[in-house]
Amino acid sequence: MATSKASYTAPGLSKEAAGKVTAILQKRLNSYNDLHLTLKHVHWNVVGPSFIGVHEMIDPQVDVVRLDADEVAERIATLGSAPMGTVGAINSTRDWDDYPLGRATVPEHLAALDKVYDRVVAENRQAIADVEDLDLVTQDMLIGHTAGLEKFQWFVRAHLESASGKI
């Protein structure tokens, strides 16, 4: 999905570099928007003996991912393009399957959510590498987001981990 281009970008950044960066950021925005919807879905549909702990753990994750999405969208705008926050935008770059569970137990949801975090974190790490020679400000932003996502994944994994350290 193409974003509209403005006649400007951030000072010191070429329009060509800004275009490459905004294309990368649009994919991150799409992924973050999908992730925060998935997290709310899990929040609403998780059941079982550990329900309340997981239910309450998810909402702060939703809030941070939404803020990360907002930061990405604002960075796209700063670089002179229009961020696309629609379902169509998500679907235009989506190469992952929809979240597979409805109402399910804590272990089932957390195992599925762990796989979602695997994908999002791996994509972020690739985006970090892809923008390295283009825009260090964007790279720094993505590094911060990735650190937060990895921490959330650790929370998820801590619920799945055995005493021997196996997930």
N, C-alpha and C. Protein backbone atom coordinates (compact mmCIF):
# COMPACT_ATOMS: atom_id res chain seq x y z
N MET A 1 0.85 -1.17 0.00
CA MET A 1 0.00 0.00 0.00
C MET A 1 0.89 1.23 0.00
N ALA A 2 0.72 2.08 -0.95
CA ALA A 2 1.53 3.28 -1.07
C ALA A 2 1.06 4.34 -0.09
N THR A 3 2.01 5.07 0.43
CA THR A 3 1.69 6.22 1.25
C THR A 3 1.91 7.46 0.41
N SER A 4 1.18 8.52 0.70
CA SER A 4 1.38 9.76 -0.05
C SER A 4 2.69 10.39 0.40
N LYS A 5 3.36 11.04 -0.51
CA LYS A 5 4.65 11.65 -0.23
C LYS A 5 4.48 13.16 -0.14
N ALA A 6 5.09 13.75 0.87
CA ALA A 6 5.11 15.20 1.00
C ALA A 6 6.35 15.72 0.27
N SER A 7 6.45 17.02 0.19
CA SER A 7 7.58 17.63 -0.50
C SER A 7 8.77 17.86 0.44
N TYR A 8 8.72 17.29 1.62
CA TYR A 8 9.79 17.49 2.60
C TYR A 8 10.08 16.18 3.31
N THR A 9 11.17 16.18 4.06
CA THR A 9 11.49 15.10 4.98
C THR A 9 12.28 15.71 6.12
N ALA A 10 12.81 14.90 7.01
CA ALA A 10 13.59 15.41 8.13
C ALA A 10 14.88 16.03 7.60
N PRO A 11 15.31 17.13 8.17
CA PRO A 11 16.55 17.77 7.72
C PRO A 11 17.73 16.79 7.77
N GLY A 12 18.54 16.81 6.72
CA GLY A 12 19.71 15.95 6.65
C GLY A 12 19.43 14.56 6.11
N LEU A 13 18.18 14.26 5.80
CA LEU A 13 17.80 12.95 5.28
C LEU A 13 17.27 13.14 3.86
N SER A 14 17.80 12.41 2.93
CA SER A 14 17.34 12.55 1.54
C SER A 14 15.92 12.01 1.40
N LYS A 15 15.22 12.51 0.41
CA LYS A 15 13.86 12.01 0.15
C LYS A 15 13.90 10.53 -0.22
N GLU A 16 14.96 10.12 -0.91
CA GLU A 16 15.09 8.70 -1.28
C GLU A 16 15.24 7.83 -0.03
N ALA A 17 16.12 8.25 0.88
CA ALA A 17 16.30 7.50 2.12
C ALA A 17 15.01 7.51 2.94
N ALA A 18 14.35 8.66 3.01
CA ALA A 18 13.10 8.75 3.75
C ALA A 18 12.05 7.81 3.17
N GLY A 19 11.99 7.71 1.86
CA GLY A 19 11.04 6.80 1.23
C GLY A 19 11.30 5.35 1.60
N LYS A 20 12.57 4.96 1.63
CA LYS A 20 12.92 3.59 2.02
C LYS A 20 12.57 3.33 3.49
N VAL A 21 12.88 4.31 4.32
CA VAL A 21 12.60 4.16 5.75
C VAL A 21 11.10 4.10 6.00
N THR A 22 10.33 4.96 5.35
CA THR A 22 8.89 4.94 5.60
C THR A 22 8.24 3.64 5.11
N ALA A 23 8.77 3.04 4.06
CA ALA A 23 8.24 1.75 3.62
C ALA A 23 8.49 0.68 4.68
N ILE A 24 9.67 0.71 5.28
CA ILE A 24 9.99 -0.23 6.36
C ILE A 24 9.10 0.05 7.57
N LEU A 25 8.93 1.33 7.90
CA LEU A 25 8.11 1.69 9.06
C LEU A 25 6.64 1.34 8.85
N GLN A 26 6.16 1.46 7.63
CA GLN A 26 4.76 1.11 7.40
C GLN A 26 4.51 -0.37 7.70
N LYS A 27 5.47 -1.21 7.36
CA LYS A 27 5.33 -2.63 7.70
C LYS A 27 5.34 -2.84 9.21
N ARG A 28 6.17 -2.07 9.92
CA ARG A 28 6.19 -2.18 11.38
C ARG A 28 4.86 -1.69 11.95
N LEU A 29 4.34 -0.59 11.41
CA LEU A 29 3.05 -0.08 11.87
C LEU A 29 1.96 -1.12 11.67
N ASN A 30 1.96 -1.76 10.52
CA ASN A 30 0.96 -2.80 10.25
C ASN A 30 1.09 -3.95 11.25
N SER A 31 2.31 -4.34 11.52
CA SER A 31 2.56 -5.45 12.45
C SER A 31 2.16 -5.06 13.87
N TYR A 32 2.48 -3.85 14.29
CA TYR A 32 2.11 -3.39 15.63
C TYR A 32 0.60 -3.29 15.77
N ASN A 33 -0.07 -2.77 14.75
CA ASN A 33 -1.54 -2.68 14.82
C ASN A 33 -2.16 -4.07 14.93
N ASP A 34 -1.64 -5.02 14.17
CA ASP A 34 -2.13 -6.39 14.27
C ASP A 34 -1.83 -6.96 15.66
N LEU A 35 -0.64 -6.68 16.19
CA LEU A 35 -0.26 -7.21 17.50
C LEU A 35 -1.16 -6.67 18.60
N HIS A 36 -1.45 -5.38 18.60
CA HIS A 36 -2.27 -4.90 19.70
C HIS A 36 -3.70 -5.42 19.60
N LEU A 37 -4.20 -5.66 18.40
CA LEU A 37 -5.51 -6.30 18.26
C LEU A 37 -5.46 -7.75 18.74
N THR A 38 -4.39 -8.45 18.42
CA THR A 38 -4.22 -9.83 18.86
C THR A 38 -4.15 -9.90 20.38
N LEU A 39 -3.39 -8.99 20.97
CA LEU A 39 -3.28 -8.98 22.43
C LEU A 39 -4.64 -8.75 23.10
N LYS A 40 -5.45 -7.85 22.57
CA LYS A 40 -6.78 -7.63 23.13
C LYS A 40 -7.64 -8.89 22.95
N HIS A 41 -7.50 -9.54 21.81
CA HIS A 41 -8.23 -10.78 21.57
C HIS A 41 -7.87 -11.82 22.63
N VAL A 42 -6.58 -11.96 22.91
CA VAL A 42 -6.14 -12.91 23.95
C VAL A 42 -6.72 -12.48 25.29
N HIS A 43 -6.63 -11.22 25.62
CA HIS A 43 -7.16 -10.67 26.88
C HIS A 43 -8.63 -11.06 27.07
N TRP A 44 -9.40 -10.97 26.02
CA TRP A 44 -10.84 -11.26 26.09
C TRP A 44 -11.15 -12.75 26.11
N ASN A 45 -10.25 -13.59 25.60
CA ASN A 45 -10.58 -15.00 25.37
C ASN A 45 -9.79 -16.01 26.19
N VAL A 46 -8.90 -15.56 27.05
CA VAL A 46 -8.12 -16.48 27.85
C VAL A 46 -8.96 -16.97 29.03
N VAL A 47 -8.86 -18.27 29.33
CA VAL A 47 -9.60 -18.87 30.44
C VAL A 47 -8.71 -19.86 31.18
N GLY A 48 -9.14 -20.23 32.36
CA GLY A 48 -8.43 -21.25 33.12
C GLY A 48 -7.98 -20.75 34.48
N PRO A 49 -7.32 -21.63 35.23
CA PRO A 49 -6.94 -21.31 36.61
C PRO A 49 -6.06 -20.06 36.75
N SER A 50 -5.23 -19.77 35.80
CA SER A 50 -4.35 -18.60 35.87
C SER A 50 -4.92 -17.42 35.09
N PHE A 51 -6.20 -17.47 34.80
CA PHE A 51 -6.84 -16.45 33.98
C PHE A 51 -6.53 -15.03 34.41
N ILE A 52 -6.78 -14.69 35.66
CA ILE A 52 -6.73 -13.28 36.06
C ILE A 52 -5.32 -12.70 35.94
N GLY A 53 -4.32 -13.48 36.28
CA GLY A 53 -2.95 -12.99 36.15
C GLY A 53 -2.58 -12.67 34.72
N VAL A 54 -2.96 -13.55 33.80
CA VAL A 54 -2.65 -13.34 32.39
C VAL A 54 -3.54 -12.24 31.81
N HIS A 55 -4.80 -12.27 32.16
CA HIS A 55 -5.74 -11.23 31.71
C HIS A 55 -5.21 -9.84 32.07
N GLU A 56 -4.75 -9.68 33.30
CA GLU A 56 -4.24 -8.38 33.75
C GLU A 56 -2.84 -8.08 33.22
N MET A 57 -2.07 -9.09 32.86
CA MET A 57 -0.74 -8.88 32.29
C MET A 57 -0.83 -8.33 30.87
N ILE A 58 -1.88 -8.70 30.16
CA ILE A 58 -1.99 -8.37 28.73
C ILE A 58 -2.28 -6.88 28.50
N ASP A 59 -3.14 -6.26 29.28
CA ASP A 59 -3.52 -4.87 29.01
C ASP A 59 -2.34 -3.90 28.98
N PRO A 60 -1.38 -3.96 29.91
CA PRO A 60 -0.24 -3.06 29.78
C PRO A 60 0.56 -3.30 28.49
N GLN A 61 0.58 -4.55 28.03
CA GLN A 61 1.26 -4.85 26.77
C GLN A 61 0.53 -4.17 25.62
N VAL A 62 -0.80 -4.24 25.64
CA VAL A 62 -1.61 -3.58 24.61
C VAL A 62 -1.28 -2.09 24.59
N ASP A 63 -1.25 -1.48 25.75
CA ASP A 63 -1.01 -0.04 25.84
C ASP A 63 0.35 0.34 25.26
N VAL A 64 1.39 -0.42 25.58
CA VAL A 64 2.73 -0.10 25.08
C VAL A 64 2.80 -0.31 23.57
N VAL A 65 2.22 -1.38 23.07
CA VAL A 65 2.26 -1.63 21.63
C VAL A 65 1.49 -0.54 20.88
N ARG A 66 0.36 -0.09 21.43
CA ARG A 66 -0.38 1.01 20.81
C ARG A 66 0.47 2.28 20.78
N LEU A 67 1.19 2.56 21.86
CA LEU A 67 2.07 3.74 21.88
C LEU A 67 3.20 3.59 20.88
N ASP A 68 3.75 2.38 20.75
CA ASP A 68 4.79 2.13 19.75
C ASP A 68 4.24 2.36 18.35
N ALA A 69 3.03 1.90 18.09
CA ALA A 69 2.40 2.12 16.78
C ALA A 69 2.24 3.61 16.52
N ASP A 70 1.82 4.35 17.52
CA ASP A 70 1.66 5.80 17.38
C ASP A 70 3.00 6.46 17.08
N GLU A 71 4.04 6.03 17.76
CA GLU A 71 5.37 6.60 17.52
C GLU A 71 5.84 6.31 16.10
N VAL A 72 5.60 5.11 15.62
CA VAL A 72 5.97 4.75 14.25
C VAL A 72 5.18 5.61 13.26
N ALA A 73 3.89 5.74 13.47
CA ALA A 73 3.06 6.55 12.57
C ALA A 73 3.54 8.00 12.55
N GLU A 74 3.86 8.53 13.70
CA GLU A 74 4.35 9.91 13.75
C GLU A 74 5.72 10.06 13.10
N ARG A 75 6.54 9.02 13.17
CA ARG A 75 7.85 9.07 12.50
C ARG A 75 7.64 9.06 10.98
N ILE A 76 6.70 8.26 10.50
CA ILE A 76 6.38 8.24 9.07
C ILE A 76 5.96 9.64 8.63
N ALA A 77 5.11 10.29 9.40
CA ALA A 77 4.66 11.64 9.07
C ALA A 77 5.82 12.64 9.12
N THR A 78 6.69 12.49 10.11
CA THR A 78 7.86 13.36 10.23
C THR A 78 8.74 13.26 9.00
N LEU A 79 8.81 12.08 8.43
CA LEU A 79 9.66 11.85 7.25
C LEU A 79 8.95 12.24 5.95
N GLY A 80 7.74 12.77 6.06
CA GLY A 80 7.06 13.33 4.90
C GLY A 80 6.06 12.43 4.21
N SER A 81 5.72 11.32 4.81
CA SER A 81 4.74 10.41 4.22
C SER A 81 3.51 10.33 5.10
N ALA A 82 2.48 9.71 4.59
CA ALA A 82 1.24 9.54 5.34
C ALA A 82 1.16 8.12 5.88
N PRO A 83 1.13 7.97 7.21
CA PRO A 83 0.98 6.62 7.77
C PRO A 83 -0.42 6.09 7.48
N MET A 84 -0.47 4.81 7.16
CA MET A 84 -1.75 4.16 6.85
C MET A 84 -2.11 3.23 8.01
N GLY A 85 -3.19 3.56 8.71
CA GLY A 85 -3.57 2.80 9.88
C GLY A 85 -4.84 1.99 9.72
N THR A 86 -5.14 1.59 8.51
CA THR A 86 -6.38 0.87 8.24
C THR A 86 -6.16 -0.65 8.22
N VAL A 87 -7.27 -1.36 8.30
CA VAL A 87 -7.21 -2.83 8.17
C VAL A 87 -6.65 -3.19 6.79
N GLY A 88 -7.03 -2.44 5.78
CA GLY A 88 -6.50 -2.68 4.44
C GLY A 88 -4.99 -2.54 4.40
N ALA A 89 -4.46 -1.57 5.14
CA ALA A 89 -3.01 -1.40 5.20
C ALA A 89 -2.34 -2.61 5.84
N ILE A 90 -2.94 -3.09 6.92
CA ILE A 90 -2.39 -4.29 7.58
C ILE A 90 -2.38 -5.45 6.58
N ASN A 91 -3.49 -5.67 5.92
CA ASN A 91 -3.60 -6.79 4.99
C ASN A 91 -2.69 -6.65 3.77
N SER A 92 -2.35 -5.43 3.41
CA SER A 92 -1.53 -5.23 2.21
C SER A 92 -0.11 -5.76 2.37
N THR A 93 0.40 -5.82 3.59
CA THR A 93 1.77 -6.32 3.80
C THR A 93 1.80 -7.58 4.65
N ARG A 94 0.66 -8.04 5.04
CA ARG A 94 0.59 -9.18 5.94
C ARG A 94 0.99 -10.47 5.23
N ASP A 95 2.01 -11.12 5.78
CA ASP A 95 2.43 -12.42 5.25
C ASP A 95 2.38 -13.48 6.34
N TRP A 96 1.64 -13.20 7.40
CA TRP A 96 1.49 -14.13 8.50
C TRP A 96 0.02 -14.55 8.61
N ASP A 97 -0.18 -15.70 9.22
CA ASP A 97 -1.54 -16.20 9.42
C ASP A 97 -2.22 -15.44 10.55
N ASP A 98 -3.55 -15.43 10.51
CA ASP A 98 -4.31 -14.81 11.58
C ASP A 98 -4.09 -15.61 12.86
N TYR A 99 -4.24 -14.95 13.98
CA TYR A 99 -4.10 -15.61 15.27
C TYR A 99 -5.06 -16.79 15.33
N PRO A 100 -4.59 -17.98 15.73
CA PRO A 100 -5.38 -19.19 15.53
C PRO A 100 -6.43 -19.52 16.58
N LEU A 101 -6.42 -18.87 17.73
CA LEU A 101 -7.28 -19.31 18.83
C LEU A 101 -8.42 -18.34 19.11
N GLY A 102 -9.52 -18.91 19.58
CA GLY A 102 -10.61 -18.13 20.15
C GLY A 102 -10.53 -18.30 21.66
N ARG A 103 -11.61 -18.75 22.26
CA ARG A 103 -11.61 -19.03 23.69
C ARG A 103 -10.72 -20.25 23.93
N ALA A 104 -9.69 -20.07 24.77
CA ALA A 104 -8.75 -21.16 25.02
C ALA A 104 -8.05 -20.93 26.37
N THR A 105 -7.37 -21.95 26.83
CA THR A 105 -6.72 -21.90 28.14
C THR A 105 -5.47 -21.03 28.11
N VAL A 106 -5.05 -20.66 29.30
CA VAL A 106 -3.84 -19.85 29.46
C VAL A 106 -2.66 -20.47 28.71
N PRO A 107 -2.31 -21.74 28.94
CA PRO A 107 -1.15 -22.29 28.24
C PRO A 107 -1.29 -22.27 26.71
N GLU A 108 -2.49 -22.53 26.22
CA GLU A 108 -2.69 -22.51 24.76
C GLU A 108 -2.48 -21.11 24.19
N HIS A 109 -3.08 -20.12 24.83
CA HIS A 109 -2.92 -18.75 24.35
C HIS A 109 -1.48 -18.28 24.46
N LEU A 110 -0.84 -18.56 25.57
CA LEU A 110 0.53 -18.07 25.74
C LEU A 110 1.50 -18.74 24.77
N ALA A 111 1.29 -20.01 24.47
CA ALA A 111 2.14 -20.68 23.47
C ALA A 111 1.93 -20.05 22.09
N ALA A 112 0.69 -19.74 21.75
CA ALA A 112 0.42 -19.09 20.46
C ALA A 112 0.97 -17.67 20.44
N LEU A 113 0.83 -16.96 21.55
CA LEU A 113 1.33 -15.59 21.64
C LEU A 113 2.85 -15.55 21.57
N ASP A 114 3.51 -16.55 22.12
CA ASP A 114 4.96 -16.63 22.04
C ASP A 114 5.41 -16.68 20.57
N LYS A 115 4.68 -17.41 19.75
CA LYS A 115 5.01 -17.47 18.32
C LYS A 115 4.77 -16.14 17.64
N VAL A 116 3.74 -15.41 18.06
CA VAL A 116 3.50 -14.08 17.50
C VAL A 116 4.67 -13.17 17.84
N TYR A 117 5.11 -13.19 19.10
CA TYR A 117 6.26 -12.38 19.49
C TYR A 117 7.52 -12.80 18.74
N ASP A 118 7.72 -14.09 18.52
CA ASP A 118 8.87 -14.53 17.71
C ASP A 118 8.90 -13.80 16.38
N ARG A 119 7.77 -13.75 15.72
CA ARG A 119 7.69 -13.12 14.40
C ARG A 119 7.92 -11.62 14.48
N VAL A 120 7.22 -10.95 15.38
CA VAL A 120 7.31 -9.49 15.46
C VAL A 120 8.72 -9.05 15.84
N VAL A 121 9.32 -9.73 16.80
CA VAL A 121 10.68 -9.37 17.22
C VAL A 121 11.67 -9.63 16.09
N ALA A 122 11.55 -10.76 15.41
CA ALA A 122 12.46 -11.05 14.29
C ALA A 122 12.31 -10.00 13.19
N GLU A 123 11.08 -9.61 12.89
CA GLU A 123 10.85 -8.56 11.88
C GLU A 123 11.46 -7.23 12.33
N ASN A 124 11.31 -6.91 13.60
CA ASN A 124 11.91 -5.68 14.12
C ASN A 124 13.42 -5.71 14.00
N ARG A 125 14.01 -6.83 14.34
CA ARG A 125 15.48 -6.93 14.24
C ARG A 125 15.94 -6.75 12.79
N GLN A 126 15.17 -7.28 11.85
CA GLN A 126 15.51 -7.08 10.44
C GLN A 126 15.35 -5.61 10.05
N ALA A 127 14.29 -4.98 10.53
CA ALA A 127 14.08 -3.56 10.24
C ALA A 127 15.20 -2.70 10.83
N ILE A 128 15.66 -3.06 12.03
CA ILE A 128 16.79 -2.36 12.65
C ILE A 128 18.01 -2.42 11.74
N ALA A 129 18.28 -3.60 11.21
CA ALA A 129 19.42 -3.76 10.30
C ALA A 129 19.19 -2.99 9.00
N ASP A 130 17.97 -3.01 8.50
CA ASP A 130 17.66 -2.38 7.21
C ASP A 130 17.77 -0.86 7.24
N VAL A 131 17.51 -0.24 8.38
CA VAL A 131 17.58 1.23 8.45
C VAL A 131 18.93 1.75 8.94
N GLU A 132 19.83 0.85 9.29
CA GLU A 132 21.11 1.26 9.89
C GLU A 132 21.86 2.29 9.06
N ASP A 133 21.93 2.10 7.77
CA ASP A 133 22.67 3.03 6.91
C ASP A 133 21.78 4.13 6.34
N LEU A 134 20.52 4.17 6.77
CA LEU A 134 19.58 5.16 6.25
C LEU A 134 19.21 6.23 7.28
N ASP A 135 18.90 5.81 8.50
CA ASP A 135 18.38 6.76 9.48
C ASP A 135 18.56 6.21 10.89
N LEU A 136 19.55 6.74 11.60
CA LEU A 136 19.84 6.26 12.95
C LEU A 136 18.77 6.65 13.97
N VAL A 137 18.04 7.73 13.72
CA VAL A 137 16.96 8.11 14.62
C VAL A 137 15.87 7.04 14.60
N THR A 138 15.50 6.61 13.40
CA THR A 138 14.51 5.54 13.27
C THR A 138 15.05 4.24 13.86
N GLN A 139 16.31 3.96 13.62
CA GLN A 139 16.90 2.75 14.17
C GLN A 139 16.82 2.75 15.69
N ASP A 140 17.14 3.87 16.30
CA ASP A 140 17.09 3.98 17.76
C ASP A 140 15.68 3.73 18.28
N MET A 141 14.69 4.30 17.60
CA MET A 141 13.29 4.09 17.99
C MET A 141 12.95 2.60 17.93
N LEU A 142 13.32 1.94 16.84
CA LEU A 142 13.01 0.52 16.68
C LEU A 142 13.74 -0.35 17.70
N ILE A 143 14.95 0.03 18.06
CA ILE A 143 15.69 -0.70 19.08
C ILE A 143 14.94 -0.64 20.41
N GLY A 144 14.45 0.54 20.76
CA GLY A 144 13.67 0.68 22.00
C GLY A 144 12.41 -0.15 21.97
N HIS A 145 11.71 -0.13 20.84
CA HIS A 145 10.48 -0.94 20.73
C HIS A 145 10.81 -2.42 20.89
N THR A 146 11.88 -2.85 20.26
CA THR A 146 12.24 -4.27 20.29
C THR A 146 12.60 -4.71 21.71
N ALA A 147 13.28 -3.86 22.45
CA ALA A 147 13.59 -4.20 23.84
C ALA A 147 12.31 -4.42 24.64
N GLY A 148 11.32 -3.57 24.45
CA GLY A 148 10.05 -3.74 25.14
C GLY A 148 9.32 -5.00 24.73
N LEU A 149 9.32 -5.29 23.44
CA LEU A 149 8.67 -6.51 22.95
C LEU A 149 9.34 -7.76 23.48
N GLU A 150 10.67 -7.74 23.54
CA GLU A 150 11.39 -8.88 24.08
C GLU A 150 11.06 -9.08 25.56
N LYS A 151 10.91 -7.99 26.29
CA LYS A 151 10.54 -8.10 27.70
C LYS A 151 9.15 -8.70 27.84
N PHE A 152 8.20 -8.25 27.02
CA PHE A 152 6.86 -8.83 27.07
C PHE A 152 6.89 -10.31 26.72
N GLN A 153 7.72 -10.68 25.75
CA GLN A 153 7.82 -12.10 25.40
C GLN A 153 8.38 -12.89 26.58
N TRP A 154 9.30 -12.32 27.29
CA TRP A 154 9.83 -12.97 28.49
C TRP A 154 8.71 -13.21 29.49
N PHE A 155 7.81 -12.22 29.69
CA PHE A 155 6.67 -12.41 30.58
C PHE A 155 5.83 -13.60 30.14
N VAL A 156 5.58 -13.68 28.84
CA VAL A 156 4.79 -14.78 28.29
C VAL A 156 5.51 -16.11 28.54
N ARG A 157 6.78 -16.14 28.22
CA ARG A 157 7.55 -17.37 28.37
C ARG A 157 7.69 -17.80 29.82
N ALA A 158 7.74 -16.85 30.74
CA ALA A 158 7.86 -17.20 32.16
C ALA A 158 6.66 -18.02 32.63
N HIS A 159 5.51 -17.82 32.02
CA HIS A 159 4.32 -18.60 32.35
C HIS A 159 4.40 -20.01 31.75
N LEU A 160 5.16 -20.17 30.69
CA LEU A 160 5.25 -21.45 29.99
C LEU A 160 6.46 -22.27 30.43
N GLU A 161 7.42 -21.65 31.06
CA GLU A 161 8.69 -22.28 31.36
C GLU A 161 8.58 -23.26 32.52
N SER A 162 9.28 -24.38 32.38
CA SER A 162 9.36 -25.36 33.46
C SER A 162 10.51 -24.97 34.40
N ALA A 163 10.58 -25.63 35.53
CA ALA A 163 11.66 -25.36 36.49
C ALA A 163 13.04 -25.65 35.89
N SER A 164 13.08 -26.50 34.88
CA SER A 164 14.36 -26.83 34.24
C SER A 164 14.73 -25.83 33.15
N GLY A 165 13.85 -24.85 32.91
CA GLY A 165 14.16 -23.83 31.92
C GLY A 165 13.66 -24.11 30.52
N LYS A 166 12.85 -25.14 30.36
CA LYS A 166 12.32 -25.48 29.05
C LYS A 166 10.94 -24.88 28.84
N ILE A 167 10.69 -24.46 27.62
CA ILE A 167 9.39 -23.90 27.28
C ILE A 167 8.56 -24.96 26.57
